[in-house]
Amino acid sequence: MEAEKILKKFDTAADCPITFAVDIIGGKWKPIIIWLLLNEGTLRFGEINKRMPGVALKVLSRSLKELETDGIVVRAVFAEVPPRVEYSLSAKGEALREIMALLCGWSKQYVLQMNSD
């Protein structure tokens, strides 16, 4: 079922692979979640929420769930009282490290250029 959903996404992006990538990692909050996990490693939901002021809990939860469904994030549940849930990047998520670093560099250059114009 999960593979079928991912393949369906790919079919709709057949004209442009960038569309497929943006569908998976794009949006307002997903890149920030990925960046946090790349730089800070495994985090609990509350820790992610604290580092992302302005995100609604429902939106954060949905974004994490979508990233998990798409194989970017791994959700680990520990049978403790109270229950503990941790999020980390999968191998696919870790493969975004260079892309995210390049995007960060481009963004910094862009901001500097905009401020100097």
PDB file of N, CA and C in Angstrom:
ATOM      1  N   MET A   1       0.827  -1.193   0.000  1.00  0.00           N
ATOM      2  CA  MET A   1       0.000   0.000   0.000  1.00  0.00           C
ATOM      3  C   MET A   1       0.871   1.256   0.000  1.00  0.00           C
ATOM      4  N   GLU A   2       1.880   1.285   0.875  1.00  0.00           N
ATOM      5  CA  GLU A   2       2.757   2.456   0.952  1.00  0.00           C
ATOM      6  C   GLU A   2       3.507   2.650  -0.369  1.00  0.00           C
ATOM      7  N   ALA A   3       4.046   1.567  -0.928  1.00  0.00           N
ATOM      8  CA  ALA A   3       4.764   1.649  -2.197  1.00  0.00           C
ATOM      9  C   ALA A   3       3.835   2.122  -3.302  1.00  0.00           C
ATOM     10  N   GLU A   4       2.597   1.656  -3.264  1.00  0.00           N
ATOM     11  CA  GLU A   4       1.615   2.062  -4.274  1.00  0.00           C
ATOM     12  C   GLU A   4       1.353   3.565  -4.188  1.00  0.00           C
ATOM     13  N   LYS A   5       1.240   4.077  -2.975  1.00  0.00           N
ATOM     14  CA  LYS A   5       1.017   5.508  -2.768  1.00  0.00           C
ATOM     15  C   LYS A   5       2.202   6.314  -3.302  1.00  0.00           C
ATOM     16  N   ILE A   6       3.411   5.860  -3.024  1.00  0.00           N
ATOM     17  CA  ILE A   6       4.606   6.559  -3.488  1.00  0.00           C
ATOM     18  C   ILE A   6       4.694   6.515  -5.006  1.00  0.00           C
ATOM     19  N   LEU A   7       4.410   5.351  -5.607  1.00  0.00           N
ATOM     20  CA  LEU A   7       4.437   5.251  -7.063  1.00  0.00           C
ATOM     21  C   LEU A   7       3.386   6.145  -7.702  1.00  0.00           C
ATOM     22  N   LYS A   8       2.235   6.270  -7.071  1.00  0.00           N
ATOM     23  CA  LYS A   8       1.196   7.148  -7.583  1.00  0.00           C
ATOM     24  C   LYS A   8       1.686   8.593  -7.572  1.00  0.00           C
ATOM     25  N   LYS A   9       2.386   8.999  -6.511  1.00  0.00           N
ATOM     26  CA  LYS A   9       2.958  10.336  -6.462  1.00  0.00           C
ATOM     27  C   LYS A   9       3.938  10.529  -7.601  1.00  0.00           C
ATOM     28  N   PHE A  10       4.752   9.491  -7.876  1.00  0.00           N
ATOM     29  CA  PHE A  10       5.733   9.595  -8.944  1.00  0.00           C
ATOM     30  C   PHE A  10       5.056   9.730 -10.298  1.00  0.00           C
ATOM     31  N   ASP A  11       3.963   9.000 -10.499  1.00  0.00           N
ATOM     32  CA  ASP A  11       3.232   9.094 -11.760  1.00  0.00           C
ATOM     33  C   ASP A  11       2.750  10.511 -12.022  1.00  0.00           C
ATOM     34  N   THR A  12       2.291  11.203 -10.980  1.00  0.00           N
ATOM     35  CA  THR A  12       1.801  12.565 -11.181  1.00  0.00           C
ATOM     36  C   THR A  12       2.944  13.547 -11.418  1.00  0.00           C
ATOM     37  N   ALA A  13       4.161  13.148 -11.091  1.00  0.00           N
ATOM     38  CA  ALA A  13       5.319  14.019 -11.272  1.00  0.00           C
ATOM     39  C   ALA A  13       6.166  13.589 -12.455  1.00  0.00           C
ATOM     40  N   ALA A  14       5.628  12.733 -13.304  1.00  0.00           N
ATOM     41  CA  ALA A  14       6.415  12.160 -14.387  1.00  0.00           C
ATOM     42  C   ALA A  14       7.014  13.213 -15.322  1.00  0.00           C
ATOM     43  N   ASP A  15       6.348  14.348 -15.472  1.00  0.00           N
ATOM     44  CA  ASP A  15       6.867  15.378 -16.368  1.00  0.00           C
ATOM     45  C   ASP A  15       8.054  16.119 -15.775  1.00  0.00           C
ATOM     46  N   CYS A  16       8.170  16.135 -14.443  1.00  0.00           N
ATOM     47  CA  CYS A  16       9.248  16.874 -13.805  1.00  0.00           C
ATOM     48  C   CYS A  16       9.628  16.213 -12.482  1.00  0.00           C
ATOM     49  N   PRO A  17      10.812  15.619 -12.399  1.00  0.00           N
ATOM     50  CA  PRO A  17      11.216  14.972 -11.150  1.00  0.00           C
ATOM     51  C   PRO A  17      11.298  15.923  -9.962  1.00  0.00           C
ATOM     52  N   ILE A  18      11.514  17.205 -10.221  1.00  0.00           N
ATOM     53  CA  ILE A  18      11.567  18.181  -9.136  1.00  0.00           C
ATOM     54  C   ILE A  18      10.217  18.245  -8.420  1.00  0.00           C
ATOM     55  N   THR A  19       9.145  18.129  -9.176  1.00  0.00           N
ATOM     56  CA  THR A  19       7.810  18.154  -8.588  1.00  0.00           C
ATOM     57  C   THR A  19       7.656  17.023  -7.584  1.00  0.00           C
ATOM     58  N   PHE A  20       8.158  15.862  -7.927  1.00  0.00           N
ATOM     59  CA  PHE A  20       8.087  14.709  -7.030  1.00  0.00           C
ATOM     60  C   PHE A  20       8.866  14.984  -5.747  1.00  0.00           C
ATOM     61  N   ALA A  21      10.074  15.517  -5.881  1.00  0.00           N
ATOM     62  CA  ALA A  21      10.901  15.802  -4.699  1.00  0.00           C
ATOM     63  C   ALA A  21      10.242  16.845  -3.804  1.00  0.00           C
ATOM     64  N   VAL A  22       9.718  17.898  -4.397  1.00  0.00           N
ATOM     65  CA  VAL A  22       9.075  18.955  -3.618  1.00  0.00           C
ATOM     66  C   VAL A  22       7.817  18.428  -2.939  1.00  0.00           C
ATOM     67  N   ASP A  23       7.132  17.504  -3.578  1.00  0.00           N
ATOM     68  CA  ASP A  23       5.949  16.905  -2.963  1.00  0.00           C
ATOM     69  C   ASP A  23       6.332  16.144  -1.692  1.00  0.00           C
ATOM     70  N   ILE A  24       7.488  15.514  -1.695  1.00  0.00           N
ATOM     71  CA  ILE A  24       7.936  14.726  -0.546  1.00  0.00           C
ATOM     72  C   ILE A  24       8.508  15.610   0.561  1.00  0.00           C
ATOM     73  N   ILE A  25       9.403  16.534   0.220  1.00  0.00           N
ATOM     74  CA  ILE A  25      10.124  17.293   1.247  1.00  0.00           C
ATOM     75  C   ILE A  25       9.766  18.771   1.291  1.00  0.00           C
ATOM     76  N   GLY A  26       8.821  19.190   0.450  1.00  0.00           N
ATOM     77  CA  GLY A  26       8.486  20.604   0.372  1.00  0.00           C
ATOM     78  C   GLY A  26       7.443  21.023   1.384  1.00  0.00           C
ATOM     79  N   GLY A  27       7.116  22.280   1.346  1.00  0.00           N
ATOM     80  CA  GLY A  27       6.143  22.860   2.262  1.00  0.00           C
ATOM     81  C   GLY A  27       6.837  23.778   3.246  1.00  0.00           C
ATOM     82  N   LYS A  28       6.079  24.298   4.159  1.00  0.00           N
ATOM     83  CA  LYS A  28       6.621  25.258   5.122  1.00  0.00           C
ATOM     84  C   LYS A  28       7.431  24.581   6.225  1.00  0.00           C
ATOM     85  N   TRP A  29       7.006  23.399   6.681  1.00  0.00           N
ATOM     86  CA  TRP A  29       7.593  22.809   7.873  1.00  0.00           C
ATOM     87  C   TRP A  29       8.472  21.590   7.619  1.00  0.00           C
ATOM     88  N   LYS A  30       8.228  20.833   6.571  1.00  0.00           N
ATOM     89  CA  LYS A  30       9.001  19.608   6.338  1.00  0.00           C
ATOM     90  C   LYS A  30      10.499  19.874   6.196  1.00  0.00           C
ATOM     91  N   PRO A  31      10.917  20.881   5.432  1.00  0.00           N
ATOM     92  CA  PRO A  31      12.367  21.132   5.340  1.00  0.00           C
ATOM     93  C   PRO A  31      12.988  21.481   6.692  1.00  0.00           C
ATOM     94  N   ILE A  32      12.238  22.178   7.535  1.00  0.00           N
ATOM     95  CA  ILE A  32      12.754  22.544   8.852  1.00  0.00           C
ATOM     96  C   ILE A  32      12.899  21.299   9.724  1.00  0.00           C
ATOM     97  N   ILE A  33      11.920  20.409   9.662  1.00  0.00           N
ATOM     98  CA  ILE A  33      12.005  19.145  10.405  1.00  0.00           C
ATOM     99  C   ILE A  33      13.231  18.361   9.955  1.00  0.00           C
ATOM    100  N   ILE A  34      13.411  18.247   8.659  1.00  0.00           N
ATOM    101  CA  ILE A  34      14.554  17.507   8.110  1.00  0.00           C
ATOM    102  C   ILE A  34      15.860  18.161   8.556  1.00  0.00           C
ATOM    103  N   TRP A  35      15.942  19.473   8.481  1.00  0.00           N
ATOM    104  CA  TRP A  35      17.152  20.208   8.880  1.00  0.00           C
ATOM    105  C   TRP A  35      17.466  19.984  10.364  1.00  0.00           C
ATOM    106  N   LEU A  36      16.433  20.039  11.200  1.00  0.00           N
ATOM    107  CA  LEU A  36      16.631  19.789  12.633  1.00  0.00           C
ATOM    108  C   LEU A  36      17.186  18.388  12.880  1.00  0.00           C
ATOM    109  N   LEU A  37      16.584  17.400  12.260  1.00  0.00           N
ATOM    110  CA  LEU A  37      17.022  16.016  12.474  1.00  0.00           C
ATOM    111  C   LEU A  37      18.410  15.770  11.880  1.00  0.00           C
ATOM    112  N   LEU A  38      18.740  16.449  10.783  1.00  0.00           N
ATOM    113  CA  LEU A  38      20.083  16.329  10.218  1.00  0.00           C
ATOM    114  C   LEU A  38      21.129  16.889  11.178  1.00  0.00           C
ATOM    115  N   ASN A  39      20.802  18.017  11.801  1.00  0.00           N
ATOM    116  CA  ASN A  39      21.783  18.712  12.640  1.00  0.00           C
ATOM    117  C   ASN A  39      21.781  18.292  14.101  1.00  0.00           C
ATOM    118  N   GLU A  40      20.642  17.815  14.600  1.00  0.00           N
ATOM    119  CA  GLU A  40      20.560  17.487  16.015  1.00  0.00           C
ATOM    120  C   GLU A  40      20.349  16.008  16.291  1.00  0.00           C
ATOM    121  N   GLY A  41      20.129  15.228  15.266  1.00  0.00           N
ATOM    122  CA  GLY A  41      19.927  13.802  15.457  1.00  0.00           C
ATOM    123  C   GLY A  41      18.522  13.482  15.945  1.00  0.00           C
ATOM    124  N   THR A  42      18.399  12.389  16.649  1.00  0.00           N
ATOM    125  CA  THR A  42      17.111  11.908  17.133  1.00  0.00           C
ATOM    126  C   THR A  42      16.502  12.885  18.134  1.00  0.00           C
ATOM    127  N   LEU A  43      15.212  13.194  17.914  1.00  0.00           N
ATOM    128  CA  LEU A  43      14.501  14.122  18.795  1.00  0.00           C
ATOM    129  C   LEU A  43      13.109  13.586  19.119  1.00  0.00           C
ATOM    130  N   ARG A  44      12.629  13.951  20.279  1.00  0.00           N
ATOM    131  CA  ARG A  44      11.256  13.629  20.654  1.00  0.00           C
ATOM    132  C   ARG A  44      10.334  14.702  20.092  1.00  0.00           C
ATOM    133  N   PHE A  45       9.049  14.379  20.018  1.00  0.00           N
ATOM    134  CA  PHE A  45       8.065  15.295  19.456  1.00  0.00           C
ATOM    135  C   PHE A  45       8.133  16.658  20.127  1.00  0.00           C
ATOM    136  N   GLY A  46       8.142  16.676  21.450  1.00  0.00           N
ATOM    137  CA  GLY A  46       8.183  17.937  22.195  1.00  0.00           C
ATOM    138  C   GLY A  46       9.427  18.754  21.903  1.00  0.00           C
ATOM    139  N   GLU A  47      10.551  18.077  21.707  1.00  0.00           N
ATOM    140  CA  GLU A  47      11.804  18.779  21.388  1.00  0.00           C
ATOM    141  C   GLU A  47      11.720  19.424  20.010  1.00  0.00           C
ATOM    142  N   ILE A  48      11.131  18.712  19.072  1.00  0.00           N
ATOM    143  CA  ILE A  48      10.955  19.277  17.727  1.00  0.00           C
ATOM    144  C   ILE A  48      10.028  20.483  17.814  1.00  0.00           C
ATOM    145  N   ASN A  49       8.945  20.335  18.545  1.00  0.00           N
ATOM    146  CA  ASN A  49       7.977  21.418  18.692  1.00  0.00           C
ATOM    147  C   ASN A  49       8.617  22.667  19.300  1.00  0.00           C
ATOM    148  N   LYS A  50       9.455  22.512  20.327  1.00  0.00           N
ATOM    149  CA  LYS A  50      10.118  23.653  20.971  1.00  0.00           C
ATOM    150  C   LYS A  50      11.051  24.378  20.006  1.00  0.00           C
ATOM    151  N   ARG A  51      11.677  23.637  19.100  1.00  0.00           N
ATOM    152  CA  ARG A  51      12.627  24.229  18.166  1.00  0.00           C
ATOM    153  C   ARG A  51      11.946  24.834  16.938  1.00  0.00           C
ATOM    154  N   MET A  52      10.627  24.692  16.860  1.00  0.00           N
ATOM    155  CA  MET A  52       9.885  25.208  15.709  1.00  0.00           C
ATOM    156  C   MET A  52       8.746  26.112  16.180  1.00  0.00           C
ATOM    157  N   PRO A  53       9.074  27.289  16.712  1.00  0.00           N
ATOM    158  CA  PRO A  53       8.004  28.173  17.177  1.00  0.00           C
ATOM    159  C   PRO A  53       7.083  28.551  16.017  1.00  0.00           C
ATOM    160  N   GLY A  54       5.813  28.562  16.306  1.00  0.00           N
ATOM    161  CA  GLY A  54       4.853  28.952  15.278  1.00  0.00           C
ATOM    162  C   GLY A  54       4.144  27.801  14.595  1.00  0.00           C
ATOM    163  N   VAL A  55       4.662  26.584  14.748  1.00  0.00           N
ATOM    164  CA  VAL A  55       4.001  25.448  14.111  1.00  0.00           C
ATOM    165  C   VAL A  55       2.914  24.915  15.048  1.00  0.00           C
ATOM    166  N   ALA A  56       1.744  24.684  14.487  1.00  0.00           N
ATOM    167  CA  ALA A  56       0.651  24.100  15.265  1.00  0.00           C
ATOM    168  C   ALA A  56       0.950  22.624  15.503  1.00  0.00           C
ATOM    169  N   LEU A  57       0.548  22.118  16.651  1.00  0.00           N
ATOM    170  CA  LEU A  57       0.803  20.709  16.988  1.00  0.00           C
ATOM    171  C   LEU A  57       0.222  19.770  15.945  1.00  0.00           C
ATOM    172  N   LYS A  58      -0.964  20.079  15.459  1.00  0.00           N
ATOM    173  CA  LYS A  58      -1.618  19.242  14.442  1.00  0.00           C
ATOM    174  C   LYS A  58      -0.814  19.231  13.140  1.00  0.00           C
ATOM    175  N   VAL A  59      -0.307  20.382  12.759  1.00  0.00           N
ATOM    176  CA  VAL A  59       0.484  20.495  11.525  1.00  0.00           C
ATOM    177  C   VAL A  59       1.806  19.750  11.677  1.00  0.00           C
ATOM    178  N   LEU A  60       2.453  19.898  12.829  1.00  0.00           N
ATOM    179  CA  LEU A  60       3.704  19.195  13.080  1.00  0.00           C
ATOM    180  C   LEU A  60       3.481  17.687  13.043  1.00  0.00           C
ATOM    181  N   SER A  61       2.443  17.244  13.693  1.00  0.00           N
ATOM    182  CA  SER A  61       2.121  15.820  13.718  1.00  0.00           C
ATOM    183  C   SER A  61       1.869  15.289  12.303  1.00  0.00           C
ATOM    184  N   ARG A  62       1.093  16.023  11.524  1.00  0.00           N
ATOM    185  CA  ARG A  62       0.796  15.609  10.144  1.00  0.00           C
ATOM    186  C   ARG A  62       2.067  15.590   9.282  1.00  0.00           C
ATOM    187  N   SER A  63       2.905  16.598   9.440  1.00  0.00           N
ATOM    188  CA  SER A  63       4.145  16.659   8.656  1.00  0.00           C
ATOM    189  C   SER A  63       5.059  15.487   8.985  1.00  0.00           C
ATOM    190  N   LEU A  64       5.195  15.173  10.268  1.00  0.00           N
ATOM    191  CA  LEU A  64       6.014  14.030  10.684  1.00  0.00           C
ATOM    192  C   LEU A  64       5.435  12.729  10.143  1.00  0.00           C
ATOM    193  N   LYS A  65       4.126  12.601  10.188  1.00  0.00           N
ATOM    194  CA  LYS A  65       3.467  11.392   9.685  1.00  0.00           C
ATOM    195  C   LYS A  65       3.699  11.238   8.176  1.00  0.00           C
ATOM    196  N   GLU A  66       3.604  12.335   7.425  1.00  0.00           N
ATOM    197  CA  GLU A  66       3.838  12.292   5.976  1.00  0.00           C
ATOM    198  C   GLU A  66       5.292  11.939   5.675  1.00  0.00           C
ATOM    199  N   LEU A  67       6.221  12.528   6.416  1.00  0.00           N
ATOM    200  CA  LEU A  67       7.635  12.208   6.220  1.00  0.00           C
ATOM    201  C   LEU A  67       7.914  10.743   6.557  1.00  0.00           C
ATOM    202  N   GLU A  68       7.225  10.235   7.561  1.00  0.00           N
ATOM    203  CA  GLU A  68       7.371   8.820   7.919  1.00  0.00           C
ATOM    204  C   GLU A  68       6.803   7.929   6.814  1.00  0.00           C
ATOM    205  N   THR A  69       5.639   8.256   6.318  1.00  0.00           N
ATOM    206  CA  THR A  69       5.007   7.488   5.239  1.00  0.00           C
ATOM    207  C   THR A  69       5.882   7.463   3.994  1.00  0.00           C
ATOM    208  N   ASP A  70       6.544   8.586   3.719  1.00  0.00           N
ATOM    209  CA  ASP A  70       7.396   8.681   2.536  1.00  0.00           C
ATOM    210  C   ASP A  70       8.796   8.124   2.760  1.00  0.00           C
ATOM    211  N   GLY A  71       9.065   7.598   3.954  1.00  0.00           N
ATOM    212  CA  GLY A  71      10.332   6.942   4.219  1.00  0.00           C
ATOM    213  C   GLY A  71      11.488   7.872   4.538  1.00  0.00           C
ATOM    214  N   ILE A  72      11.208   9.115   4.882  1.00  0.00           N
ATOM    215  CA  ILE A  72      12.254  10.089   5.200  1.00  0.00           C
ATOM    216  C   ILE A  72      12.573  10.067   6.693  1.00  0.00           C
ATOM    217  N   VAL A  73      11.540   9.887   7.512  1.00  0.00           N
ATOM    218  CA  VAL A  73      11.668   9.901   8.968  1.00  0.00           C
ATOM    219  C   VAL A  73      11.289   8.533   9.526  1.00  0.00           C
ATOM    220  N   VAL A  74      11.991   8.144  10.579  1.00  0.00           N
ATOM    221  CA  VAL A  74      11.680   6.902  11.304  1.00  0.00           C
ATOM    222  C   VAL A  74      11.106   7.296  12.659  1.00  0.00           C
ATOM    223  N   ARG A  75       9.980   6.691  12.995  1.00  0.00           N
ATOM    224  CA  ARG A  75       9.322   6.945  14.280  1.00  0.00           C
ATOM    225  C   ARG A  75       9.521   5.714  15.150  1.00  0.00           C
ATOM    226  N   ALA A  76      10.149   5.914  16.303  1.00  0.00           N
ATOM    227  CA  ALA A  76      10.396   4.803  17.236  1.00  0.00           C
ATOM    228  C   ALA A  76       9.558   5.021  18.488  1.00  0.00           C
ATOM    229  N   VAL A  77       8.740   4.015  18.820  1.00  0.00           N
ATOM    230  CA  VAL A  77       7.879   4.077  20.001  1.00  0.00           C
ATOM    231  C   VAL A  77       8.454   3.143  21.054  1.00  0.00           C
ATOM    232  N   PHE A  78       8.631   3.662  22.266  1.00  0.00           N
ATOM    233  CA  PHE A  78       9.164   2.884  23.367  1.00  0.00           C
ATOM    234  C   PHE A  78       8.049   2.601  24.367  1.00  0.00           C
ATOM    235  N   ALA A  79       7.904   1.342  24.732  1.00  0.00           N
ATOM    236  CA  ALA A  79       6.846   0.929  25.660  1.00  0.00           C
ATOM    237  C   ALA A  79       7.252   1.279  27.083  1.00  0.00           C
ATOM    238  N   GLU A  80       7.078   2.524  27.421  1.00  0.00           N
ATOM    239  CA  GLU A  80       7.396   3.028  28.754  1.00  0.00           C
ATOM    240  C   GLU A  80       6.177   3.775  29.277  1.00  0.00           C
ATOM    241  N   VAL A  81       6.201   4.096  30.541  1.00  0.00           N
ATOM    242  CA  VAL A  81       5.154   4.918  31.122  1.00  0.00           C
ATOM    243  C   VAL A  81       5.804   6.181  31.655  1.00  0.00           C
ATOM    244  N   PRO A  82       5.496   7.358  31.111  1.00  0.00           N
ATOM    245  CA  PRO A  82       4.654   7.581  29.942  1.00  0.00           C
ATOM    246  C   PRO A  82       5.351   7.127  28.662  1.00  0.00           C
ATOM    247  N   PRO A  83       4.576   6.866  27.594  1.00  0.00           N
ATOM    248  CA  PRO A  83       5.170   6.410  26.334  1.00  0.00           C
ATOM    249  C   PRO A  83       6.158   7.444  25.784  1.00  0.00           C
ATOM    250  N   ARG A  84       7.213   6.958  25.197  1.00  0.00           N
ATOM    251  CA  ARG A  84       8.231   7.831  24.606  1.00  0.00           C
ATOM    252  C   ARG A  84       8.282   7.549  23.111  1.00  0.00           C
ATOM    253  N   VAL A  85       8.253   8.604  22.317  1.00  0.00           N
ATOM    254  CA  VAL A  85       8.322   8.489  20.865  1.00  0.00           C
ATOM    255  C   VAL A  85       9.474   9.369  20.393  1.00  0.00           C
ATOM    256  N   GLU A  86      10.339   8.800  19.575  1.00  0.00           N
ATOM    257  CA  GLU A  86      11.482   9.548  19.037  1.00  0.00           C
ATOM    258  C   GLU A  86      11.448   9.507  17.519  1.00  0.00           C
ATOM    259  N   TYR A  87      11.932  10.595  16.930  1.00  0.00           N
ATOM    260  CA  TYR A  87      11.992  10.713  15.479  1.00  0.00           C
ATOM    261  C   TYR A  87      13.443  10.874  15.049  1.00  0.00           C
ATOM    262  N   SER A  88      13.802  10.174  13.997  1.00  0.00           N
ATOM    263  CA  SER A  88      15.142  10.294  13.420  1.00  0.00           C
ATOM    264  C   SER A  88      15.004  10.151  11.912  1.00  0.00           C
ATOM    265  N   LEU A  89      16.072  10.428  11.214  1.00  0.00           N
ATOM    266  CA  LEU A  89      16.051  10.294   9.760  1.00  0.00           C
ATOM    267  C   LEU A  89      16.385   8.871   9.358  1.00  0.00           C
ATOM    268  N   SER A  90      15.726   8.411   8.328  1.00  0.00           N
ATOM    269  CA  SER A  90      16.048   7.119   7.727  1.00  0.00           C
ATOM    270  C   SER A  90      17.265   7.319   6.826  1.00  0.00           C
ATOM    271  N   ALA A  91      17.708   6.264   6.191  1.00  0.00           N
ATOM    272  CA  ALA A  91      18.811   6.379   5.228  1.00  0.00           C
ATOM    273  C   ALA A  91      18.419   7.330   4.092  1.00  0.00           C
ATOM    274  N   LYS A  92      17.155   7.264   3.679  1.00  0.00           N
ATOM    275  CA  LYS A  92      16.676   8.188   2.629  1.00  0.00           C
ATOM    276  C   LYS A  92      16.739   9.624   3.119  1.00  0.00           C
ATOM    277  N   GLY A  93      16.380   9.837   4.375  1.00  0.00           N
ATOM    278  CA  GLY A  93      16.441  11.174   4.951  1.00  0.00           C
ATOM    279  C   GLY A  93      17.876  11.664   5.062  1.00  0.00           C
ATOM    280  N   GLU A  94      18.770  10.787   5.501  1.00  0.00           N
ATOM    281  CA  GLU A  94      20.197  11.140   5.596  1.00  0.00           C
ATOM    282  C   GLU A  94      20.774  11.473   4.221  1.00  0.00           C
ATOM    283  N   ALA A  95      20.245  10.853   3.181  1.00  0.00           N
ATOM    284  CA  ALA A  95      20.727  11.124   1.820  1.00  0.00           C
ATOM    285  C   ALA A  95      20.428  12.555   1.382  1.00  0.00           C
ATOM    286  N   LEU A  96      19.579  13.251   2.125  1.00  0.00           N
ATOM    287  CA  LEU A  96      19.254  14.644   1.813  1.00  0.00           C
ATOM    288  C   LEU A  96      20.271  15.628   2.389  1.00  0.00           C
ATOM    289  N   ARG A  97      21.241  15.152   3.143  1.00  0.00           N
ATOM    290  CA  ARG A  97      22.194  16.033   3.827  1.00  0.00           C
ATOM    291  C   ARG A  97      22.875  17.016   2.866  1.00  0.00           C
ATOM    292  N   GLU A  98      23.436  16.508   1.793  1.00  0.00           N
ATOM    293  CA  GLU A  98      24.155  17.383   0.853  1.00  0.00           C
ATOM    294  C   GLU A  98      23.196  18.353   0.164  1.00  0.00           C
ATOM    295  N   ILE A  99      22.034  17.862  -0.202  1.00  0.00           N
ATOM    296  CA  ILE A  99      21.036  18.717  -0.859  1.00  0.00           C
ATOM    297  C   ILE A  99      20.616  19.851   0.070  1.00  0.00           C
ATOM    298  N   MET A 100      20.355  19.519   1.319  1.00  0.00           N
ATOM    299  CA  MET A 100      19.931  20.538   2.290  1.00  0.00           C
ATOM    300  C   MET A 100      21.062  21.545   2.557  1.00  0.00           C
ATOM    301  N   ALA A 101      22.298  21.064   2.597  1.00  0.00           N
ATOM    302  CA  ALA A 101      23.437  21.962   2.805  1.00  0.00           C
ATOM    303  C   ALA A 101      23.580  22.925   1.616  1.00  0.00           C
ATOM    304  N   LEU A 102      23.410  22.398   0.415  1.00  0.00           N
ATOM    305  CA  LEU A 102      23.470  23.253  -0.770  1.00  0.00           C
ATOM    306  C   LEU A 102      22.345  24.274  -0.770  1.00  0.00           C
ATOM    307  N   LEU A 103      21.162  23.845  -0.394  1.00  0.00           N
ATOM    308  CA  LEU A 103      20.021  24.745  -0.332  1.00  0.00           C
ATOM    309  C   LEU A 103      20.245  25.829   0.715  1.00  0.00           C
ATOM    310  N   CYS A 104      20.825  25.451   1.844  1.00  0.00           N
ATOM    311  CA  CYS A 104      21.140  26.409   2.903  1.00  0.00           C
ATOM    312  C   CYS A 104      22.157  27.436   2.404  1.00  0.00           C
ATOM    313  N   GLY A 105      23.198  26.969   1.733  1.00  0.00           N
ATOM    314  CA  GLY A 105      24.206  27.870   1.181  1.00  0.00           C
ATOM    315  C   GLY A 105      23.622  28.825   0.156  1.00  0.00           C
ATOM    316  N   TRP A 106      22.782  28.293  -0.721  1.00  0.00           N
ATOM    317  CA  TRP A 106      22.132  29.132  -1.731  1.00  0.00           C
ATOM    318  C   TRP A 106      21.274  30.194  -1.065  1.00  0.00           C
ATOM    319  N   SER A 107      20.530  29.800  -0.049  1.00  0.00           N
ATOM    320  CA  SER A 107      19.649  30.724   0.663  1.00  0.00           C
ATOM    321  C   SER A 107      20.446  31.854   1.316  1.00  0.00           C
ATOM    322  N   LYS A 108      21.564  31.500   1.965  1.00  0.00           N
ATOM    323  CA  LYS A 108      22.396  32.529   2.607  1.00  0.00           C
ATOM    324  C   LYS A 108      22.924  33.515   1.574  1.00  0.00           C
ATOM    325  N   GLN A 109      23.399  33.022   0.435  1.00  0.00           N
ATOM    326  CA  GLN A 109      23.894  33.896  -0.628  1.00  0.00           C
ATOM    327  C   GLN A 109      22.782  34.796  -1.154  1.00  0.00           C
ATOM    328  N   TYR A 110      21.608  34.233  -1.333  1.00  0.00           N
ATOM    329  CA  TYR A 110      20.472  34.985  -1.836  1.00  0.00           C
ATOM    330  C   TYR A 110      20.102  36.116  -0.889  1.00  0.00           C
ATOM    331  N   VAL A 111      20.047  35.820   0.399  1.00  0.00           N
ATOM    332  CA  VAL A 111      19.714  36.835   1.398  1.00  0.00           C
ATOM    333  C   VAL A 111      20.767  37.933   1.406  1.00  0.00           C
ATOM    334  N   LEU A 112      22.035  37.560   1.346  1.00  0.00           N
ATOM    335  CA  LEU A 112      23.105  38.549   1.327  1.00  0.00           C
ATOM    336  C   LEU A 112      22.998  39.451   0.091  1.00  0.00           C
ATOM    337  N   GLN A 113      22.702  38.852  -1.050  1.00  0.00           N
ATOM    338  CA  GLN A 113      22.555  39.634  -2.285  1.00  0.00           C
ATOM    339  C   GLN A 113      21.355  40.579  -2.195  1.00  0.00           C
ATOM    340  N   MET A 114      20.251  40.083  -1.621  1.00  0.00           N
ATOM    341  CA  MET A 114      19.057  40.917  -1.511  1.00  0.00           C
ATOM    342  C   MET A 114      19.317  42.115  -0.583  1.00  0.00           C
ATOM    343  N   ASN A 115      20.116  41.879   0.466  1.00  0.00           N
ATOM    344  CA  ASN A 115      20.408  42.966   1.407  1.00  0.00           C
ATOM    345  C   ASN A 115      21.428  43.955   0.859  1.00  0.00           C
ATOM    346  N   SER A 116      22.239  43.530  -0.106  1.00  0.00           N
ATOM    347  CA  SER A 116      23.249  44.443  -0.647  1.00  0.00           C
ATOM    348  C   SER A 116      22.747  45.239  -1.846  1.00  0.00           C
ATOM    349  N   ASP A 117      21.621  44.842  -2.388  1.00  0.00           N
ATOM    350  CA  ASP A 117      21.066  45.559  -3.560  1.00  0.00           C
ATOM    351  C   ASP A 117      20.373  46.826  -3.199  1.00  0.00           C
TER     352      ASP A 117
END
